[in-house]
Amino acid sequence: MAANKLKSLDINETIGSITLTDRETSIDVPRLDISKIIRIVKFIGTDGIRIYSRLRELLQNDELTSFERIIAVVEELKEEQLIRVVAIILDIDDKEALKLDLNEILDVLIVLSDNTNLDKTFTQVRTLAKKMFQVEIPDFQTIIQERFPAAETETVTVEVG
């Protein structure tokens, strides 16, 4: 019975569209369905962990200067790896996703944010983590404050003379 109800659901496959920089072409922004989420999680869980491990080694290498570490990290990253999540979201291959410009990618993310209840999703994940694993996931504000603490301000006096 549930299968029949699911088949009868009228689920819109797209949640919006964006107009590309050429102002003539528009592309649909698909729903972020569970299949895409699984693909993103698999990417982060496999390639993401490998990338992190390699970059962590580079960043902890005391034989390199800070500048050399930055160069090594940038050289290590592949364009396809950096754009992979956007490619998954749009259901396009990595090479096509690399053709999008920064504003187009930001437009896609804005459409997703506008049309996906991210607050509800985050709250549900927090609730599930607490119930299943007895883990408290902090709210976004706490995460931001922990990761990016306010910089101490220093008063500078300038003498004009």
Protein backbone atom coordinates (compact mmCIF):
# COMPACT_ATOMS: atom_id res chain seq x y z
CA MET A 1 0.00 0.00 0.00
CA ALA A 2 2.82 2.43 0.83
CA ALA A 3 4.45 1.68 -2.53
CA ASN A 4 1.27 2.70 -4.34
CA LYS A 5 1.13 5.97 -2.43
CA LEU A 6 4.76 6.71 -3.23
CA LYS A 7 4.19 6.05 -6.93
CA SER A 8 1.22 8.40 -6.91
CA LEU A 9 3.13 11.28 -5.32
CA ASP A 10 3.60 14.19 -7.65
CA ILE A 11 7.18 15.05 -6.78
CA ASN A 12 8.66 17.94 -8.71
CA GLU A 13 12.16 16.95 -9.82
CA THR A 14 13.43 20.56 -9.85
CA ILE A 15 13.28 23.25 -7.21
CA GLY A 16 14.25 26.18 -9.38
CA SER A 17 16.47 27.32 -12.18
CA ILE A 18 19.31 29.74 -12.72
CA THR A 19 20.25 31.81 -15.71
CA LEU A 20 23.86 31.40 -16.76
CA THR A 21 26.18 34.34 -17.21
CA ASP A 22 25.50 34.41 -20.95
CA ARG A 23 21.92 35.50 -20.00
CA GLU A 24 20.51 33.15 -22.65
CA THR A 25 20.92 29.72 -21.10
CA SER A 26 19.17 28.55 -17.99
CA ILE A 27 19.64 25.30 -16.12
CA ASP A 28 17.32 23.58 -13.70
CA VAL A 29 18.40 23.02 -10.13
CA PRO A 30 17.20 19.52 -9.19
CA ARG A 31 15.77 18.52 -5.84
CA LEU A 32 18.33 17.33 -3.36
CA ASP A 33 16.91 13.82 -3.12
CA ILE A 34 18.23 11.01 -0.95
CA SER A 35 20.15 9.50 -3.88
CA LYS A 36 22.20 12.69 -4.22
CA ILE A 37 22.75 12.90 -0.49
CA ILE A 38 24.05 9.32 -0.46
CA ARG A 39 26.39 10.11 -3.37
CA ILE A 40 27.68 13.22 -1.55
CA VAL A 41 28.17 11.27 1.69
CA LYS A 42 30.00 8.49 -0.20
CA PHE A 43 32.25 11.08 -1.87
CA ILE A 44 33.04 12.76 1.45
CA GLY A 45 33.50 9.40 3.17
CA THR A 46 35.90 8.04 0.55
CA ASP A 47 37.61 10.71 -1.54
CA GLY A 48 37.09 13.32 1.16
CA ILE A 49 38.86 11.25 3.80
CA ARG A 50 41.72 10.45 1.40
CA ILE A 51 42.09 14.13 0.49
CA TYR A 52 42.00 15.13 4.16
CA SER A 53 44.63 12.52 5.08
CA ARG A 54 47.01 13.68 2.35
CA LEU A 55 46.50 17.35 3.15
CA ARG A 56 46.90 16.74 6.88
CA GLU A 57 50.29 15.13 6.25
CA LEU A 58 51.35 18.12 4.18
CA LEU A 59 50.12 20.62 6.74
CA GLN A 60 51.95 18.84 9.56
CA ASN A 61 55.23 18.53 7.66
CA ASP A 62 57.64 20.65 9.72
CA GLU A 63 60.24 20.51 6.95
CA LEU A 64 58.06 22.83 4.84
CA THR A 65 57.61 26.53 5.40
CA SER A 66 54.04 27.86 5.66
CA PHE A 67 54.24 29.10 2.09
CA GLU A 68 55.52 25.72 0.85
CA ARG A 69 52.66 23.99 2.67
CA ILE A 70 50.09 26.16 0.93
CA ILE A 71 51.70 25.44 -2.45
CA ALA A 72 51.77 21.70 -1.71
CA VAL A 73 48.09 21.68 -0.70
CA VAL A 74 47.02 23.59 -3.82
CA GLU A 75 49.06 21.26 -6.03
CA GLU A 76 47.55 18.20 -4.36
CA LEU A 77 43.92 19.19 -4.95
CA LYS A 78 42.35 18.24 -8.26
CA GLU A 79 39.76 20.50 -9.84
CA GLU A 80 37.32 17.60 -10.20
CA GLN A 81 37.53 16.88 -6.48
CA LEU A 82 36.76 20.46 -5.56
CA ILE A 83 33.69 20.66 -7.81
CA ARG A 84 32.36 17.14 -7.22
CA VAL A 85 29.56 18.09 -4.79
CA VAL A 86 28.19 20.70 -7.23
CA ALA A 87 28.32 18.13 -10.03
CA ILE A 88 26.34 15.67 -7.91
CA ILE A 89 23.75 18.31 -6.99
CA LEU A 90 23.22 19.30 -10.64
CA ASP A 91 23.39 15.74 -12.02
CA ILE A 92 26.18 16.68 -14.41
CA ASP A 93 29.69 15.35 -14.82
CA ASP A 94 32.65 17.01 -13.16
CA LYS A 95 33.98 18.48 -16.41
CA GLU A 96 30.65 20.23 -17.08
CA ALA A 97 30.50 21.54 -13.52
CA LEU A 98 33.99 23.02 -13.96
CA LYS A 99 32.63 25.15 -16.82
CA LEU A 100 30.32 27.03 -14.44
CA ASP A 101 31.61 30.32 -13.11
CA LEU A 102 31.63 31.36 -9.46
CA ASN A 103 28.38 33.34 -9.69
CA GLU A 104 26.57 30.43 -11.32
CA ILE A 105 27.68 28.05 -8.58
CA LEU A 106 26.63 30.55 -5.92
CA ASP A 107 23.25 30.92 -7.66
CA VAL A 108 22.78 27.13 -7.48
CA LEU A 109 23.58 27.16 -3.76
CA ILE A 110 21.18 30.07 -3.20
CA VAL A 111 18.35 28.23 -5.00
CA LEU A 112 19.07 25.16 -2.86
CA SER A 113 19.10 27.23 0.33
CA ASP A 114 15.89 29.05 -0.58
CA ASN A 115 14.03 25.86 -1.44
CA THR A 116 15.34 23.39 1.13
CA ASN A 117 14.40 23.62 4.79
CA LEU A 118 17.97 23.40 6.09
CA ASP A 119 17.01 24.53 9.61
CA LYS A 120 14.60 21.61 9.91
CA THR A 121 17.19 19.19 8.50
CA PHE A 122 19.86 20.37 10.96
CA THR A 123 17.42 20.15 13.88
CA GLN A 124 16.41 16.63 12.86
CA VAL A 125 20.05 15.52 12.60
CA ARG A 126 20.77 16.99 16.06
CA THR A 127 17.74 15.20 17.52
CA LEU A 128 18.66 11.90 15.88
CA ALA A 129 22.29 12.11 17.06
CA LYS A 130 21.12 12.76 20.61
CA LYS A 131 18.61 9.89 20.61
CA MET A 132 20.78 7.32 18.85
CA PHE A 133 24.28 8.17 20.02
CA GLN A 134 23.75 10.40 23.08
CA VAL A 135 25.77 13.09 21.31
CA GLU A 136 24.96 16.80 21.54
CA ILE A 137 25.63 18.57 18.26
CA PRO A 138 25.95 22.30 18.93
CA ASP A 139 23.82 24.81 17.06
CA PHE A 140 25.27 26.77 14.12
CA GLN A 141 25.98 29.87 16.23
CA THR A 142 28.06 27.85 18.70
CA ILE A 143 29.94 26.11 15.87
CA ILE A 144 30.74 29.47 14.24
CA GLN A 145 31.94 30.95 17.54
CA GLU A 146 34.14 27.92 18.25
CA ARG A 147 35.65 27.69 14.76
CA PHE A 148 35.94 31.42 14.12
CA PRO A 149 36.38 33.23 17.43
CA ALA A 150 36.06 36.99 17.41
CA ALA A 151 39.40 38.60 16.79
CA GLU A 152 40.77 40.67 19.61
CA THR A 153 40.70 44.31 18.68
CA GLU A 154 43.63 46.51 19.37
CA THR A 155 43.32 50.24 19.79
CA VAL A 156 45.74 52.12 17.62
CA THR A 157 46.40 55.78 18.24
CA VAL A 158 47.70 57.92 15.48
CA GLU A 159 49.34 61.22 16.12
CA VAL A 160 48.81 63.80 13.45
CA GLY A 161 51.25 66.55 13.67
